Amino acid sequence: MARTDPPPQAVSPFVPVRRIRSFDDVVIQLRRAILGGQVRQGERLPGERELSQTFGVSRPTVREALRSLEATGVVEVRPGKAGGAYAVAPPASVVGDAVATLVNLAGATLSDLAEFRVSFEPDNAWWAAKRATEADLELLSDLVGEAREVLKSGGSWHPIGEVDARWHEALARATKSNLRIGISQGLHDAVLHQVGALKPTAEEYGGAIPRDLARITKAVTERDADRARQAMRAHVERFNKLNAHVQLDAAPPLVSSPRSSRR
């Protein structure tokens, strides 16, 4: 009889952790396995007992690591007979919350935000012009109309600024980049958080918002990526010039258009 070799055993992506900072090691290994695809989205992780034996740590350590990962949106812990810890894709809001927390707690100034936005926002407009769906374009247009109505009704900077933030987030979603979506959410939360520092020039800027958003939306709708980016750059720079709290060096020129597109 022909001899048959035993089937190869699956190689575990996990190894025993170091005794120092074992909790951190467990979190790092689990996160790397999930984000690296060794544990696929929707796949159930081994149970606490198995993980504690594999890592060489106590079950409470494993349990706390799973709770930490659940808080960041990487793991979902489900109850019941079919329950356990499952690998999930973290939502874009996780990135947004992290950005907003970092900006607000680290004390980023309006100048810091303006400096970042002067390149980030125009590139969002460029990618949105390439990737926006009809539903994206309809939402952007609806938000432009909402901004116009707020302005006509005598609305102050605050309601117009809120519509502006929602429009920017909708534009980021049109890029189809989860990273851009998450950063945009956190970025505009931070801008609105510091809205008190924007007066008195914010009212003048607020009056220009509907016109600027309409111009950018038109370029995105017409799939003119370069014009969309230039219009967005003008929109962001208008705020920078009007606001005395923003002190920036000369902004760098627009770079050449990105050559590659997202899959």
C-alpha atoms as a PDB file:
ATOM      1  CA  MET A   1       0.000   0.000   0.000  1.00  0.00           C
ATOM      2  CA  ALA A   2       1.086   3.507  -0.743  1.00  0.00           C
ATOM      3  CA  ARG A   3       2.029   5.432   2.320  1.00  0.00           C
ATOM      4  CA  THR A   4       0.020   8.611   2.919  1.00  0.00           C
ATOM      5  CA  ASP A   5       1.532  11.525   4.777  1.00  0.00           C
ATOM      6  CA  PRO A   6      -0.555  13.132   7.540  1.00  0.00           C
ATOM      7  CA  PRO A   7      -2.178  16.425   6.485  1.00  0.00           C
ATOM      8  CA  PRO A   8      -0.148  19.494   7.431  1.00  0.00           C
ATOM      9  CA  GLN A   9      -1.299  21.171  10.597  1.00  0.00           C
ATOM     10  CA  ALA A  10      -2.463  24.774  10.432  1.00  0.00           C
ATOM     11  CA  VAL A  11       0.110  27.214  11.755  1.00  0.00           C
ATOM     12  CA  SER A  12      -1.287  29.425  14.511  1.00  0.00           C
ATOM     13  CA  PRO A  13      -0.688  33.151  14.000  1.00  0.00           C
ATOM     14  CA  PHE A  14      -0.217  33.501  17.767  1.00  0.00           C
ATOM     15  CA  VAL A  15       2.811  32.779  19.964  1.00  0.00           C
ATOM     16  CA  PRO A  16       3.343  32.865  23.745  1.00  0.00           C
ATOM     17  CA  VAL A  17       3.692  36.438  24.908  1.00  0.00           C
ATOM     18  CA  ARG A  18       6.438  38.059  26.895  1.00  0.00           C
ATOM     19  CA  ARG A  19       5.844  38.157  30.632  1.00  0.00           C
ATOM     20  CA  ILE A  20       6.372  41.905  30.726  1.00  0.00           C
ATOM     21  CA  ARG A  21       3.379  43.885  29.431  1.00  0.00           C
ATOM     22  CA  SER A  22       1.579  40.673  28.540  1.00  0.00           C
ATOM     23  CA  PHE A  23      -1.740  42.502  28.069  1.00  0.00           C
ATOM     24  CA  ASP A  24      -0.207  44.740  25.392  1.00  0.00           C
ATOM     25  CA  ASP A  25       1.327  41.737  23.648  1.00  0.00           C
ATOM     26  CA  VAL A  26      -2.025  39.967  23.480  1.00  0.00           C
ATOM     27  CA  VAL A  27      -3.712  43.071  22.034  1.00  0.00           C
ATOM     28  CA  ILE A  28      -0.939  43.572  19.476  1.00  0.00           C
ATOM     29  CA  GLN A  29      -0.950  39.947  18.285  1.00  0.00           C
ATOM     30  CA  LEU A  30      -4.731  39.784  17.988  1.00  0.00           C
ATOM     31  CA  ARG A  31      -4.922  43.120  16.172  1.00  0.00           C
ATOM     32  CA  ARG A  32      -2.155  42.161  13.738  1.00  0.00           C
ATOM     33  CA  ALA A  33      -3.805  38.813  13.007  1.00  0.00           C
ATOM     34  CA  ILE A  34      -7.137  40.491  12.242  1.00  0.00           C
ATOM     35  CA  LEU A  35      -5.876  43.470  10.284  1.00  0.00           C
ATOM     36  CA  GLY A  36      -3.336  41.286   8.469  1.00  0.00           C
ATOM     37  CA  GLY A  37      -6.022  38.883   7.309  1.00  0.00           C
ATOM     38  CA  GLN A  38      -4.801  35.825   9.235  1.00  0.00           C
ATOM     39  CA  VAL A  39      -8.153  35.968  10.991  1.00  0.00           C
ATOM     40  CA  ARG A  40     -10.723  36.898   8.349  1.00  0.00           C
ATOM     41  CA  GLN A  41     -13.565  39.366   8.838  1.00  0.00           C
ATOM     42  CA  GLY A  42     -16.523  37.573  10.400  1.00  0.00           C
ATOM     43  CA  GLU A  43     -14.387  34.667  11.597  1.00  0.00           C
ATOM     44  CA  ARG A  44     -14.676  33.550  15.201  1.00  0.00           C
ATOM     45  CA  LEU A  45     -11.541  33.826  17.293  1.00  0.00           C
ATOM     46  CA  PRO A  46     -10.482  30.887  19.478  1.00  0.00           C
ATOM     47  CA  GLY A  47     -12.131  30.781  22.898  1.00  0.00           C
ATOM     48  CA  GLU A  48     -10.651  32.430  25.971  1.00  0.00           C
ATOM     49  CA  ARG A  49      -9.279  29.147  27.323  1.00  0.00           C
ATOM     50  CA  GLU A  50      -7.510  28.295  24.070  1.00  0.00           C
ATOM     51  CA  LEU A  51      -6.135  31.806  23.682  1.00  0.00           C
ATOM     52  CA  SER A  52      -4.886  31.889  27.265  1.00  0.00           C
ATOM     53  CA  GLN A  53      -3.044  28.594  26.709  1.00  0.00           C
ATOM     54  CA  THR A  54      -1.608  29.778  23.378  1.00  0.00           C
ATOM     55  CA  PHE A  55      -0.446  33.105  24.749  1.00  0.00           C
ATOM     56  CA  GLY A  56       0.603  31.704  28.112  1.00  0.00           C
ATOM     57  CA  VAL A  57      -1.408  34.252  30.070  1.00  0.00           C
ATOM     58  CA  SER A  58      -4.453  34.164  32.333  1.00  0.00           C
ATOM     59  CA  ARG A  59      -7.998  34.143  30.982  1.00  0.00           C
ATOM     60  CA  PRO A  60      -8.753  37.560  32.598  1.00  0.00           C
ATOM     61  CA  THR A  61      -5.845  39.003  30.596  1.00  0.00           C
ATOM     62  CA  VAL A  62      -7.300  37.584  27.389  1.00  0.00           C
ATOM     63  CA  ARG A  63     -10.755  38.834  28.337  1.00  0.00           C
ATOM     64  CA  GLU A  64      -9.504  42.372  28.940  1.00  0.00           C
ATOM     65  CA  ALA A  65      -7.592  42.338  25.648  1.00  0.00           C
ATOM     66  CA  LEU A  66     -10.745  41.331  23.787  1.00  0.00           C
ATOM     67  CA  ARG A  67     -12.693  44.108  25.500  1.00  0.00           C
ATOM     68  CA  SER A  68     -10.020  46.603  24.494  1.00  0.00           C
ATOM     69  CA  LEU A  69     -10.191  45.455  20.879  1.00  0.00           C
ATOM     70  CA  GLU A  70     -13.992  45.574  20.980  1.00  0.00           C
ATOM     71  CA  ALA A  71     -13.824  49.204  22.121  1.00  0.00           C
ATOM     72  CA  THR A  72     -11.753  50.078  19.047  1.00  0.00           C
ATOM     73  CA  GLY A  73     -14.108  48.267  16.677  1.00  0.00           C
ATOM     74  CA  VAL A  74     -11.737  45.444  15.681  1.00  0.00           C
ATOM     75  CA  VAL A  75     -13.553  42.700  17.576  1.00  0.00           C
ATOM     76  CA  GLU A  76     -17.238  42.070  18.250  1.00  0.00           C
ATOM     77  CA  VAL A  77     -18.078  39.963  21.315  1.00  0.00           C
ATOM     78  CA  ARG A  78     -21.405  38.157  20.824  1.00  0.00           C
ATOM     79  CA  PRO A  79     -23.391  36.456  23.607  1.00  0.00           C
ATOM     80  CA  GLY A  80     -25.202  33.123  23.502  1.00  0.00           C
ATOM     81  CA  LYS A  81     -24.375  29.586  22.442  1.00  0.00           C
ATOM     82  CA  ALA A  82     -22.968  30.722  19.117  1.00  0.00           C
ATOM     83  CA  GLY A  83     -21.286  33.663  20.769  1.00  0.00           C
ATOM     84  CA  GLY A  84     -17.648  34.518  21.248  1.00  0.00           C
ATOM     85  CA  ALA A  85     -15.232  37.064  19.831  1.00  0.00           C
ATOM     86  CA  TYR A  86     -15.477  37.704  16.099  1.00  0.00           C
ATOM     87  CA  ALA A  87     -13.162  39.702  13.851  1.00  0.00           C
ATOM     88  CA  VAL A  88     -14.915  42.695  12.311  1.00  0.00           C
ATOM     89  CA  ALA A  89     -13.959  45.616  10.095  1.00  0.00           C
ATOM     90  CA  PRO A  90     -13.704  48.777  12.219  1.00  0.00           C
ATOM     91  CA  PRO A  91     -16.111  51.486  11.024  1.00  0.00           C
ATOM     92  CA  ALA A  92     -14.780  54.786   9.705  1.00  0.00           C
ATOM     93  CA  SER A  93     -16.226  56.511  12.775  1.00  0.00           C
ATOM     94  CA  VAL A  94     -13.526  54.821  14.882  1.00  0.00           C
ATOM     95  CA  VAL A  95     -10.879  56.732  12.942  1.00  0.00           C
ATOM     96  CA  GLY A  96     -12.921  59.914  13.221  1.00  0.00           C
ATOM     97  CA  ASP A  97     -13.289  59.608  16.980  1.00  0.00           C
ATOM     98  CA  ALA A  98      -9.562  58.986  17.345  1.00  0.00           C
ATOM     99  CA  VAL A  99      -8.695  62.028  15.217  1.00  0.00           C
ATOM    100  CA  ALA A 100     -11.147  64.272  17.070  1.00  0.00           C
ATOM    101  CA  THR A 101      -9.825  63.120  20.440  1.00  0.00           C
ATOM    102  CA  LEU A 102      -6.225  63.624  19.376  1.00  0.00           C
ATOM    103  CA  VAL A 103      -6.885  67.103  17.989  1.00  0.00           C
ATOM    104  CA  ASN A 104      -9.014  68.318  20.883  1.00  0.00           C
ATOM    105  CA  LEU A 105      -6.982  66.856  23.740  1.00  0.00           C
ATOM    106  CA  ALA A 106      -3.604  67.615  22.185  1.00  0.00           C
ATOM    107  CA  GLY A 107      -4.679  71.238  21.817  1.00  0.00           C
ATOM    108  CA  ALA A 108      -4.354  71.613  18.057  1.00  0.00           C
ATOM    109  CA  THR A 109      -4.818  75.242  17.054  1.00  0.00           C
ATOM    110  CA  LEU A 110      -6.943  76.595  14.234  1.00  0.00           C
ATOM    111  CA  SER A 111      -3.684  77.143  12.370  1.00  0.00           C
ATOM    112  CA  ASP A 112      -2.844  73.465  12.758  1.00  0.00           C
ATOM    113  CA  LEU A 113      -6.248  72.480  11.380  1.00  0.00           C
ATOM    114  CA  ALA A 114      -6.061  74.998   8.543  1.00  0.00           C
ATOM    115  CA  GLU A 115      -2.594  73.838   7.516  1.00  0.00           C
ATOM    116  CA  PHE A 116      -3.771  70.242   7.275  1.00  0.00           C
ATOM    117  CA  ARG A 117      -7.010  71.072   5.477  1.00  0.00           C
ATOM    118  CA  VAL A 118      -5.295  73.142   2.784  1.00  0.00           C
ATOM    119  CA  SER A 119      -3.998  69.946   1.171  1.00  0.00           C
ATOM    120  CA  PHE A 120      -6.343  67.268   2.556  1.00  0.00           C
ATOM    121  CA  GLU A 121      -9.640  68.835   1.475  1.00  0.00           C
ATOM    122  CA  PRO A 122      -8.611  69.612  -2.139  1.00  0.00           C
ATOM    123  CA  ASP A 123      -7.434  66.026  -2.613  1.00  0.00           C
ATOM    124  CA  ASN A 124     -10.783  64.811  -1.258  1.00  0.00           C
ATOM    125  CA  ALA A 125     -12.503  66.851  -3.957  1.00  0.00           C
ATOM    126  CA  TRP A 126     -10.200  65.382  -6.630  1.00  0.00           C
ATOM    127  CA  TRP A 127     -10.936  61.782  -5.620  1.00  0.00           C
ATOM    128  CA  ALA A 128     -14.657  62.474  -5.205  1.00  0.00           C
ATOM    129  CA  ALA A 129     -14.829  63.737  -8.785  1.00  0.00           C
ATOM    130  CA  LYS A 130     -13.369  60.409  -9.882  1.00  0.00           C
ATOM    131  CA  ARG A 131     -15.468  58.090  -7.711  1.00  0.00           C
ATOM    132  CA  ALA A 132     -18.731  59.730  -6.629  1.00  0.00           C
ATOM    133  CA  THR A 133     -21.906  57.784  -7.320  1.00  0.00           C
ATOM    134  CA  GLU A 134     -25.197  59.348  -8.391  1.00  0.00           C
ATOM    135  CA  ALA A 135     -26.406  59.016  -4.797  1.00  0.00           C
ATOM    136  CA  ASP A 136     -23.294  60.877  -3.589  1.00  0.00           C
ATOM    137  CA  LEU A 137     -23.866  63.687  -6.073  1.00  0.00           C
ATOM    138  CA  GLU A 138     -27.526  63.985  -5.098  1.00  0.00           C
ATOM    139  CA  LEU A 139     -26.620  64.280  -1.411  1.00  0.00           C
ATOM    140  CA  LEU A 140     -23.969  66.921  -2.091  1.00  0.00           C
ATOM    141  CA  SER A 141     -26.470  68.930  -4.130  1.00  0.00           C
ATOM    142  CA  ASP A 142     -29.134  68.614  -1.417  1.00  0.00           C
ATOM    143  CA  LEU A 143     -26.683  69.907   1.199  1.00  0.00           C
ATOM    144  CA  VAL A 144     -25.835  72.893  -1.006  1.00  0.00           C
ATOM    145  CA  GLY A 145     -29.553  73.669  -1.166  1.00  0.00           C
ATOM    146  CA  GLU A 146     -29.828  73.329   2.605  1.00  0.00           C
ATOM    147  CA  ALA A 147     -26.922  75.757   3.111  1.00  0.00           C
ATOM    148  CA  ARG A 148     -28.614  78.275   0.810  1.00  0.00           C
ATOM    149  CA  GLU A 149     -31.883  78.001   2.728  1.00  0.00           C
ATOM    150  CA  VAL A 150     -30.109  78.546   6.042  1.00  0.00           C
ATOM    151  CA  LEU A 151     -28.427  81.655   4.641  1.00  0.00           C
ATOM    152  CA  LYS A 152     -31.707  83.020   3.251  1.00  0.00           C
ATOM    153  CA  SER A 153     -33.421  82.540   6.597  1.00  0.00           C
ATOM    154  CA  GLY A 154     -30.792  84.701   8.259  1.00  0.00           C
ATOM    155  CA  GLY A 155     -29.017  81.789   9.912  1.00  0.00           C
ATOM    156  CA  SER A 156     -25.763  82.548  11.689  1.00  0.00           C
ATOM    157  CA  TRP A 157     -22.404  80.854  11.234  1.00  0.00           C
ATOM    158  CA  HIS A 158     -23.341  77.985  13.525  1.00  0.00           C
ATOM    159  CA  PRO A 159     -26.099  76.318  11.433  1.00  0.00           C
ATOM    160  CA  ILE A 160     -24.306  77.056   8.159  1.00  0.00           C
ATOM    161  CA  GLY A 161     -21.085  75.692   9.631  1.00  0.00           C
ATOM    162  CA  GLU A 162     -22.877  72.506  10.615  1.00  0.00           C
ATOM    163  CA  VAL A 163     -24.219  72.051   7.075  1.00  0.00           C
ATOM    164  CA  ASP A 164     -20.732  72.775   5.756  1.00  0.00           C
ATOM    165  CA  ALA A 165     -19.263  70.041   7.983  1.00  0.00           C
ATOM    166  CA  ARG A 166     -21.882  67.540   6.810  1.00  0.00           C
ATOM    167  CA  TRP A 167     -21.153  68.452   3.188  1.00  0.00           C
ATOM    168  CA  HIS A 168     -17.413  67.925   3.689  1.00  0.00           C
ATOM    169  CA  GLU A 169     -18.068  64.539   5.275  1.00  0.00           C
ATOM    170  CA  ALA A 170     -20.387  63.597   2.389  1.00  0.00           C
ATOM    171  CA  LEU A 171     -17.649  64.597  -0.038  1.00  0.00           C
ATOM    172  CA  ALA A 172     -15.166  62.420   1.862  1.00  0.00           C
ATOM    173  CA  ARG A 173     -17.583  59.472   1.652  1.00  0.00           C
ATOM    174  CA  ALA A 174     -17.719  60.025  -2.108  1.00  0.00           C
ATOM    175  CA  THR A 175     -13.958  59.324  -2.281  1.00  0.00           C
ATOM    176  CA  LYS A 176     -14.716  55.707  -1.232  1.00  0.00           C
ATOM    177  CA  SER A 177     -11.640  55.805   1.024  1.00  0.00           C
ATOM    178  CA  ASN A 178     -12.383  54.704   4.588  1.00  0.00           C
ATOM    179  CA  LEU A 179      -9.299  56.517   5.826  1.00  0.00           C
ATOM    180  CA  ARG A 180     -10.373  59.811   4.268  1.00  0.00           C
ATOM    181  CA  ILE A 181     -13.908  59.343   5.589  1.00  0.00           C
ATOM    182  CA  GLY A 182     -12.692  58.737   9.134  1.00  0.00           C
ATOM    183  CA  ILE A 183     -10.218  61.619   9.124  1.00  0.00           C
ATOM    184  CA  SER A 184     -12.841  63.973   7.710  1.00  0.00           C
ATOM    185  CA  GLN A 185     -15.311  63.095  10.456  1.00  0.00           C
ATOM    186  CA  GLY A 186     -12.783  63.754  13.181  1.00  0.00           C
ATOM    187  CA  LEU A 187     -11.443  66.859  11.486  1.00  0.00           C
ATOM    188  CA  HIS A 188     -14.748  68.684  11.205  1.00  0.00           C
ATOM    189  CA  ASP A 189     -15.781  67.661  14.688  1.00  0.00           C
ATOM    190  CA  ALA A 190     -12.631  69.416  15.885  1.00  0.00           C
ATOM    191  CA  VAL A 191     -13.366  72.516  13.765  1.00  0.00           C
ATOM    192  CA  LEU A 192     -16.892  72.805  15.174  1.00  0.00           C
ATOM    193  CA  HIS A 193     -15.533  72.193  18.672  1.00  0.00           C
ATOM    194  CA  GLN A 194     -13.398  75.319  18.284  1.00  0.00           C
ATOM    195  CA  VAL A 195     -16.141  77.355  16.637  1.00  0.00           C
ATOM    196  CA  GLY A 196     -16.107  79.913  19.440  1.00  0.00           C
ATOM    197  CA  ALA A 197     -12.695  81.100  18.304  1.00  0.00           C
ATOM    198  CA  LEU A 198     -13.921  81.817  14.771  1.00  0.00           C
ATOM    199  CA  LYS A 199     -15.783  85.076  15.421  1.00  0.00           C
ATOM    200  CA  PRO A 200     -16.202  87.719  14.129  1.00  0.00           C
ATOM    201  CA  THR A 201     -14.912  86.739  10.692  1.00  0.00           C
ATOM    202  CA  ALA A 202     -16.852  83.468  10.763  1.00  0.00           C
ATOM    203  CA  GLU A 203     -20.041  85.295   9.799  1.00  0.00           C
ATOM    204  CA  GLU A 204     -18.406  86.648   6.656  1.00  0.00           C
ATOM    205  CA  TYR A 205     -17.008  83.224   5.829  1.00  0.00           C
ATOM    206  CA  GLY A 206     -20.377  81.610   6.510  1.00  0.00           C
ATOM    207  CA  GLY A 207     -22.015  83.822   3.928  1.00  0.00           C
ATOM    208  CA  ALA A 208     -19.634  82.516   1.254  1.00  0.00           C
ATOM    209  CA  ILE A 209     -20.127  78.842   2.109  1.00  0.00           C
ATOM    210  CA  PRO A 210     -23.180  78.062  -0.078  1.00  0.00           C
ATOM    211  CA  ARG A 211     -21.544  79.621  -3.139  1.00  0.00           C
ATOM    212  CA  ASP A 212     -18.264  77.774  -2.572  1.00  0.00           C
ATOM    213  CA  LEU A 213     -19.973  74.434  -1.982  1.00  0.00           C
ATOM    214  CA  ALA A 214     -22.081  74.877  -5.115  1.00  0.00           C
ATOM    215  CA  ARG A 215     -18.970  75.578  -7.197  1.00  0.00           C
ATOM    216  CA  ILE A 216     -17.148  72.493  -5.892  1.00  0.00           C
ATOM    217  CA  THR A 217     -20.228  70.285  -6.260  1.00  0.00           C
ATOM    218  CA  LYS A 218     -20.639  71.403  -9.883  1.00  0.00           C
ATOM    219  CA  ALA A 219     -17.042  70.454 -10.677  1.00  0.00           C
ATOM    220  CA  VAL A 220     -17.420  67.082  -8.937  1.00  0.00           C
ATOM    221  CA  THR A 221     -20.677  66.413 -10.804  1.00  0.00           C
ATOM    222  CA  GLU A 222     -18.997  67.228 -14.111  1.00  0.00           C
ATOM    223  CA  ARG A 223     -16.122  64.879 -13.198  1.00  0.00           C
ATOM    224  CA  ASP A 224     -13.616  67.718 -13.512  1.00  0.00           C
ATOM    225  CA  ALA A 225     -11.213  66.574 -10.798  1.00  0.00           C
ATOM    226  CA  ASP A 226      -8.643  69.350 -11.234  1.00  0.00           C
ATOM    227  CA  ARG A 227     -11.273  72.095 -11.161  1.00  0.00           C
ATOM    228  CA  ALA A 228     -12.888  70.510  -8.111  1.00  0.00           C
ATOM    229  CA  ARG A 229      -9.573  70.520  -6.301  1.00  0.00           C
ATOM    230  CA  GLN A 230      -8.832  74.135  -7.222  1.00  0.00           C
ATOM    231  CA  ALA A 231     -12.294  75.243  -6.084  1.00  0.00           C
ATOM    232  CA  MET A 232     -11.851  73.426  -2.783  1.00  0.00           C
ATOM    233  CA  ARG A 233      -8.439  74.993  -2.282  1.00  0.00           C
ATOM    234  CA  ALA A 234     -10.013  78.434  -2.776  1.00  0.00           C
ATOM    235  CA  HIS A 235     -12.760  77.544  -0.280  1.00  0.00           C
ATOM    236  CA  VAL A 236     -10.296  76.536   2.428  1.00  0.00           C
ATOM    237  CA  GLU A 237      -7.969  79.466   1.777  1.00  0.00           C
ATOM    238  CA  ARG A 238     -10.891  81.889   2.023  1.00  0.00           C
ATOM    239  CA  PHE A 239     -11.360  80.805   5.616  1.00  0.00           C
ATOM    240  CA  ASN A 240      -7.635  81.109   6.302  1.00  0.00           C
ATOM    241  CA  LYS A 241      -7.478  84.655   4.949  1.00  0.00           C
ATOM    242  CA  LEU A 242     -10.573  85.861   6.783  1.00  0.00           C
ATOM    243  CA  ASN A 243      -9.701  84.477  10.171  1.00  0.00           C
ATOM    244  CA  ALA A 244      -7.241  86.389  12.284  1.00  0.00           C
ATOM    245  CA  HIS A 245      -6.686  83.347  14.500  1.00  0.00           C
ATOM    246  CA  VAL A 246      -5.080  81.456  11.622  1.00  0.00           C
ATOM    247  CA  GLN A 247      -1.415  82.226  11.011  1.00  0.00           C
ATOM    248  CA  LEU A 248       0.108  80.212   8.156  1.00  0.00           C
ATOM    249  CA  ASP A 249       3.171  80.410   6.011  1.00  0.00           C
ATOM    250  CA  ALA A 250       2.538  80.554   2.280  1.00  0.00           C
ATOM    251  CA  ALA A 251       0.635  77.440   1.296  1.00  0.00           C
ATOM    252  CA  PRO A 252       2.457  75.057  -1.057  1.00  0.00           C
ATOM    253  CA  PRO A 253       1.275  74.949  -4.661  1.00  0.00           C
ATOM    254  CA  LEU A 254      -1.091  72.241  -5.809  1.00  0.00           C
ATOM    255  CA  VAL A 255       0.855  69.153  -6.789  1.00  0.00           C
ATOM    256  CA  SER A 256       0.270  67.236  -9.990  1.00  0.00           C
ATOM    257  CA  SER A 257      -2.850  65.105 -10.116  1.00  0.00           C
ATOM    258  CA  PRO A 258      -2.601  61.623  -8.582  1.00  0.00           C
ATOM    259  CA  ARG A 259      -2.059  59.139 -11.410  1.00  0.00           C
ATOM    260  CA  SER A 260      -3.434  56.044  -9.773  1.00  0.00           C
ATOM    261  CA  SER A 261      -7.026  55.439  -8.825  1.00  0.00           C
ATOM    262  CA  ARG A 262      -8.391  53.246  -6.098  1.00  0.00           C
ATOM    263  CA  ARG A 263      -9.528  49.814  -7.169  1.00  0.00           C
END
